[in-house]
Amino acid sequence: MLGIREPEIYGYRSYADLLEYICDEAAGLEIVTKFFQSNSEGNIIDAIHDAYEEFDGIIINPAAYAHTSIAIPDALKAVGIPAVEVHLTDIGAREQYRRFSFTSEACIKTISGEGFEGYKSAMIALQNY
């Protein structure tokens, strides 16, 4: 729903725009990407598990699950793949219930409030890790 849901908060660019941005930036960094998006917590966990021994890093935007899910960070810990959490908005400046992220405890870094550019920062963080 990127570009549709609360555009005054998340912006007017679409999910397709985000994927294009990531592909362009990844190419410049010589990074191969694979995308996965789901609104289902179980599907997200399955995708993390499927990444085991397949990928060198995970960039995850858990959205509201950052503040509610224990299972997603548990899945990240289980696979042991370095992960960076990204949020388009600055969750530290948002509502109180959005200020703590369970996911951050399973990540090498959390990037918050950089918009699309946060994904480039995440790729660089993984490269440097």
C-alpha atoms as a PDB file:
ATOM      1  CA  MET A   1       0.000   0.000   0.000  1.00  0.00           C
ATOM      2  CA  LEU A   2       3.046   2.261  -0.264  1.00  0.00           C
ATOM      3  CA  GLY A   3       2.028   5.518  -1.914  1.00  0.00           C
ATOM      4  CA  ILE A   4      -1.607   4.921  -0.961  1.00  0.00           C
ATOM      5  CA  ARG A   5      -1.558   4.458   2.815  1.00  0.00           C
ATOM      6  CA  GLU A   6      -1.043   7.737   4.660  1.00  0.00           C
ATOM      7  CA  PRO A   7       1.065   9.364   1.935  1.00  0.00           C
ATOM      8  CA  GLU A   8       1.627  12.409   4.139  1.00  0.00           C
ATOM      9  CA  ILE A   9       3.643  10.068   6.410  1.00  0.00           C
ATOM     10  CA  TYR A  10       5.067   7.450   4.030  1.00  0.00           C
ATOM     11  CA  GLY A  11       5.244   9.488   0.828  1.00  0.00           C
ATOM     12  CA  TYR A  12       3.584   9.264  -2.566  1.00  0.00           C
ATOM     13  CA  ARG A  13       6.017   6.886  -4.264  1.00  0.00           C
ATOM     14  CA  SER A  14       4.773   3.343  -4.804  1.00  0.00           C
ATOM     15  CA  TYR A  15       6.164  -0.076  -3.928  1.00  0.00           C
ATOM     16  CA  ALA A  16       7.158  -0.436  -7.603  1.00  0.00           C
ATOM     17  CA  ASP A  17       9.087   2.843  -7.247  1.00  0.00           C
ATOM     18  CA  LEU A  18      10.843   1.441  -4.186  1.00  0.00           C
ATOM     19  CA  LEU A  19      11.856  -1.740  -6.008  1.00  0.00           C
ATOM     20  CA  GLU A  20      13.185   0.299  -8.919  1.00  0.00           C
ATOM     21  CA  TYR A  21      15.178   2.489  -6.524  1.00  0.00           C
ATOM     22  CA  ILE A  22      16.651  -0.543  -4.754  1.00  0.00           C
ATOM     23  CA  CYS A  23      17.561  -2.253  -8.047  1.00  0.00           C
ATOM     24  CA  ASP A  24      19.301   0.875  -9.314  1.00  0.00           C
ATOM     25  CA  GLU A  25      21.266   1.377  -6.103  1.00  0.00           C
ATOM     26  CA  ALA A  26      22.116  -2.326  -5.783  1.00  0.00           C
ATOM     27  CA  ALA A  27      23.486  -2.398  -9.332  1.00  0.00           C
ATOM     28  CA  GLY A  28      25.796   0.483  -8.492  1.00  0.00           C
ATOM     29  CA  LEU A  29      27.005  -1.399  -5.406  1.00  0.00           C
ATOM     30  CA  GLU A  30      27.302  -4.688  -7.334  1.00  0.00           C
ATOM     31  CA  ILE A  31      24.725  -6.365  -5.092  1.00  0.00           C
ATOM     32  CA  VAL A  32      22.305  -9.035  -6.284  1.00  0.00           C
ATOM     33  CA  THR A  33      18.833  -8.631  -4.805  1.00  0.00           C
ATOM     34  CA  LYS A  34      15.745 -10.726  -4.324  1.00  0.00           C
ATOM     35  CA  PHE A  35      12.505  -9.204  -3.085  1.00  0.00           C
ATOM     36  CA  PHE A  36       9.776 -10.583  -0.886  1.00  0.00           C
ATOM     37  CA  GLN A  37       6.712  -8.766   0.410  1.00  0.00           C
ATOM     38  CA  SER A  38       3.864 -10.106   2.483  1.00  0.00           C
ATOM     39  CA  ASN A  39       1.284  -8.840   4.934  1.00  0.00           C
ATOM     40  CA  SER A  40       1.327 -12.232   6.684  1.00  0.00           C
ATOM     41  CA  GLU A  41       3.690 -12.735   9.602  1.00  0.00           C
ATOM     42  CA  GLY A  42       3.919 -16.470   8.908  1.00  0.00           C
ATOM     43  CA  ASN A  43       4.917 -15.894   5.295  1.00  0.00           C
ATOM     44  CA  ILE A  44       7.612 -13.456   6.400  1.00  0.00           C
ATOM     45  CA  ILE A  45       8.990 -16.028   8.838  1.00  0.00           C
ATOM     46  CA  ASP A  46       8.957 -18.696   6.111  1.00  0.00           C
ATOM     47  CA  ALA A  47      10.875 -16.371   3.764  1.00  0.00           C
ATOM     48  CA  ILE A  48      13.492 -15.723   6.466  1.00  0.00           C
ATOM     49  CA  HIS A  49      13.865 -19.459   7.045  1.00  0.00           C
ATOM     50  CA  ASP A  50      14.142 -20.041   3.288  1.00  0.00           C
ATOM     51  CA  ALA A  51      17.046 -17.565   3.199  1.00  0.00           C
ATOM     52  CA  TYR A  52      19.162 -19.880   5.364  1.00  0.00           C
ATOM     53  CA  GLU A  53      22.383 -20.800   3.538  1.00  0.00           C
ATOM     54  CA  GLU A  54      21.062 -18.974   0.436  1.00  0.00           C
ATOM     55  CA  PHE A  55      21.765 -15.294   1.144  1.00  0.00           C
ATOM     56  CA  ASP A  56      24.574 -13.258   2.662  1.00  0.00           C
ATOM     57  CA  GLY A  57      22.310 -10.617   4.172  1.00  0.00           C
ATOM     58  CA  ILE A  58      18.726  -9.631   4.806  1.00  0.00           C
ATOM     59  CA  ILE A  59      17.214  -6.173   4.687  1.00  0.00           C
ATOM     60  CA  ILE A  60      13.847  -6.188   6.376  1.00  0.00           C
ATOM     61  CA  ASN A  61      11.170  -3.582   6.813  1.00  0.00           C
ATOM     62  CA  PRO A  62       8.898  -5.354   9.279  1.00  0.00           C
ATOM     63  CA  ALA A  63       6.507  -2.382   9.368  1.00  0.00           C
ATOM     64  CA  ALA A  64       4.102  -2.698  12.308  1.00  0.00           C
ATOM     65  CA  TYR A  65       5.400  -6.201  13.049  1.00  0.00           C
ATOM     66  CA  ALA A  66       8.536  -4.496  14.394  1.00  0.00           C
ATOM     67  CA  HIS A  67       6.473  -3.451  17.386  1.00  0.00           C
ATOM     68  CA  THR A  68       4.386  -6.594  17.851  1.00  0.00           C
ATOM     69  CA  SER A  69       6.213  -9.690  16.618  1.00  0.00           C
ATOM     70  CA  ILE A  70       8.567 -11.815  18.658  1.00  0.00           C
ATOM     71  CA  ALA A  71       8.538 -14.534  15.988  1.00  0.00           C
ATOM     72  CA  ILE A  72      10.193 -12.437  13.247  1.00  0.00           C
ATOM     73  CA  PRO A  73      13.287 -11.582  15.306  1.00  0.00           C
ATOM     74  CA  ASP A  74      13.401 -15.196  16.497  1.00  0.00           C
ATOM     75  CA  ALA A  75      13.472 -16.313  12.847  1.00  0.00           C
ATOM     76  CA  LEU A  76      16.274 -13.835  12.094  1.00  0.00           C
ATOM     77  CA  LYS A  77      18.274 -15.129  15.057  1.00  0.00           C
ATOM     78  CA  ALA A  78      17.658 -18.724  14.006  1.00  0.00           C
ATOM     79  CA  VAL A  79      19.093 -18.324  10.504  1.00  0.00           C
ATOM     80  CA  GLY A  80      22.081 -16.288  11.677  1.00  0.00           C
ATOM     81  CA  ILE A  81      22.195 -14.134   8.546  1.00  0.00           C
ATOM     82  CA  PRO A  82      23.276 -10.533   9.159  1.00  0.00           C
ATOM     83  CA  ALA A  83      20.169  -8.376   8.887  1.00  0.00           C
ATOM     84  CA  VAL A  84      19.453  -4.665   8.747  1.00  0.00           C
ATOM     85  CA  GLU A  85      16.061  -3.297   9.709  1.00  0.00           C
ATOM     86  CA  VAL A  86      14.749  -0.365   7.668  1.00  0.00           C
ATOM     87  CA  HIS A  87      11.833   1.967   8.335  1.00  0.00           C
ATOM     88  CA  LEU A  88      10.918   4.750   5.925  1.00  0.00           C
ATOM     89  CA  THR A  89       9.849   7.017   8.771  1.00  0.00           C
ATOM     90  CA  ASP A  90      11.655   7.896  11.988  1.00  0.00           C
ATOM     91  CA  ILE A  91       9.957   5.461  14.357  1.00  0.00           C
ATOM     92  CA  GLY A  92      11.655   7.166  17.308  1.00  0.00           C
ATOM     93  CA  ALA A  93       9.681  10.321  16.571  1.00  0.00           C
ATOM     94  CA  ARG A  94       6.365   8.582  16.003  1.00  0.00           C
ATOM     95  CA  GLU A  95       3.688   7.363  18.407  1.00  0.00           C
ATOM     96  CA  GLN A  96       4.974   5.867  21.666  1.00  0.00           C
ATOM     97  CA  TYR A  97       4.002   2.317  20.671  1.00  0.00           C
ATOM     98  CA  ARG A  98       6.145   2.576  17.516  1.00  0.00           C
ATOM     99  CA  ARG A  99       9.323   3.604  19.291  1.00  0.00           C
ATOM    100  CA  PHE A 100      10.457   0.122  20.314  1.00  0.00           C
ATOM    101  CA  SER A 101      11.282  -2.514  17.742  1.00  0.00           C
ATOM    102  CA  PHE A 102      11.601  -6.174  18.685  1.00  0.00           C
ATOM    103  CA  THR A 103      13.187  -6.756  15.273  1.00  0.00           C
ATOM    104  CA  SER A 104      16.086  -4.420  16.050  1.00  0.00           C
ATOM    105  CA  GLU A 105      17.335  -6.866  18.675  1.00  0.00           C
ATOM    106  CA  ALA A 106      18.071  -9.401  15.905  1.00  0.00           C
ATOM    107  CA  CYS A 107      19.695  -6.950  13.493  1.00  0.00           C
ATOM    108  CA  ILE A 108      23.173  -5.525  13.158  1.00  0.00           C
ATOM    109  CA  LYS A 109      21.672  -2.091  12.528  1.00  0.00           C
ATOM    110  CA  THR A 110      18.355  -0.259  12.334  1.00  0.00           C
ATOM    111  CA  ILE A 111      17.903   2.559   9.833  1.00  0.00           C
ATOM    112  CA  SER A 112      14.930   4.785  10.445  1.00  0.00           C
ATOM    113  CA  GLY A 113      13.686   7.978   8.857  1.00  0.00           C
ATOM    114  CA  GLU A 114      15.765   8.028   5.657  1.00  0.00           C
ATOM    115  CA  GLY A 115      12.908   7.162   3.306  1.00  0.00           C
ATOM    116  CA  PHE A 116      13.918   5.124   0.262  1.00  0.00           C
ATOM    117  CA  GLU A 117      17.548   6.080   0.863  1.00  0.00           C
ATOM    118  CA  GLY A 118      17.475   3.935   3.997  1.00  0.00           C
ATOM    119  CA  TYR A 119      17.625   0.870   1.767  1.00  0.00           C
ATOM    120  CA  LYS A 120      20.893   2.063   0.193  1.00  0.00           C
ATOM    121  CA  SER A 121      22.258   2.727   3.670  1.00  0.00           C
ATOM    122  CA  ALA A 122      21.249  -0.807   4.638  1.00  0.00           C
ATOM    123  CA  MET A 123      23.026  -2.312   1.623  1.00  0.00           C
ATOM    124  CA  ILE A 124      26.185  -0.389   2.474  1.00  0.00           C
ATOM    125  CA  ALA A 125      25.939  -1.466   6.117  1.00  0.00           C
ATOM    126  CA  LEU A 126      25.747  -5.111   5.048  1.00  0.00           C
ATOM    127  CA  GLN A 127      28.676  -4.694   2.663  1.00  0.00           C
ATOM    128  CA  ASN A 128      30.748  -3.138   5.444  1.00  0.00           C
ATOM    129  CA  TYR A 129      29.758  -5.851   7.882  1.00  0.00           C
END
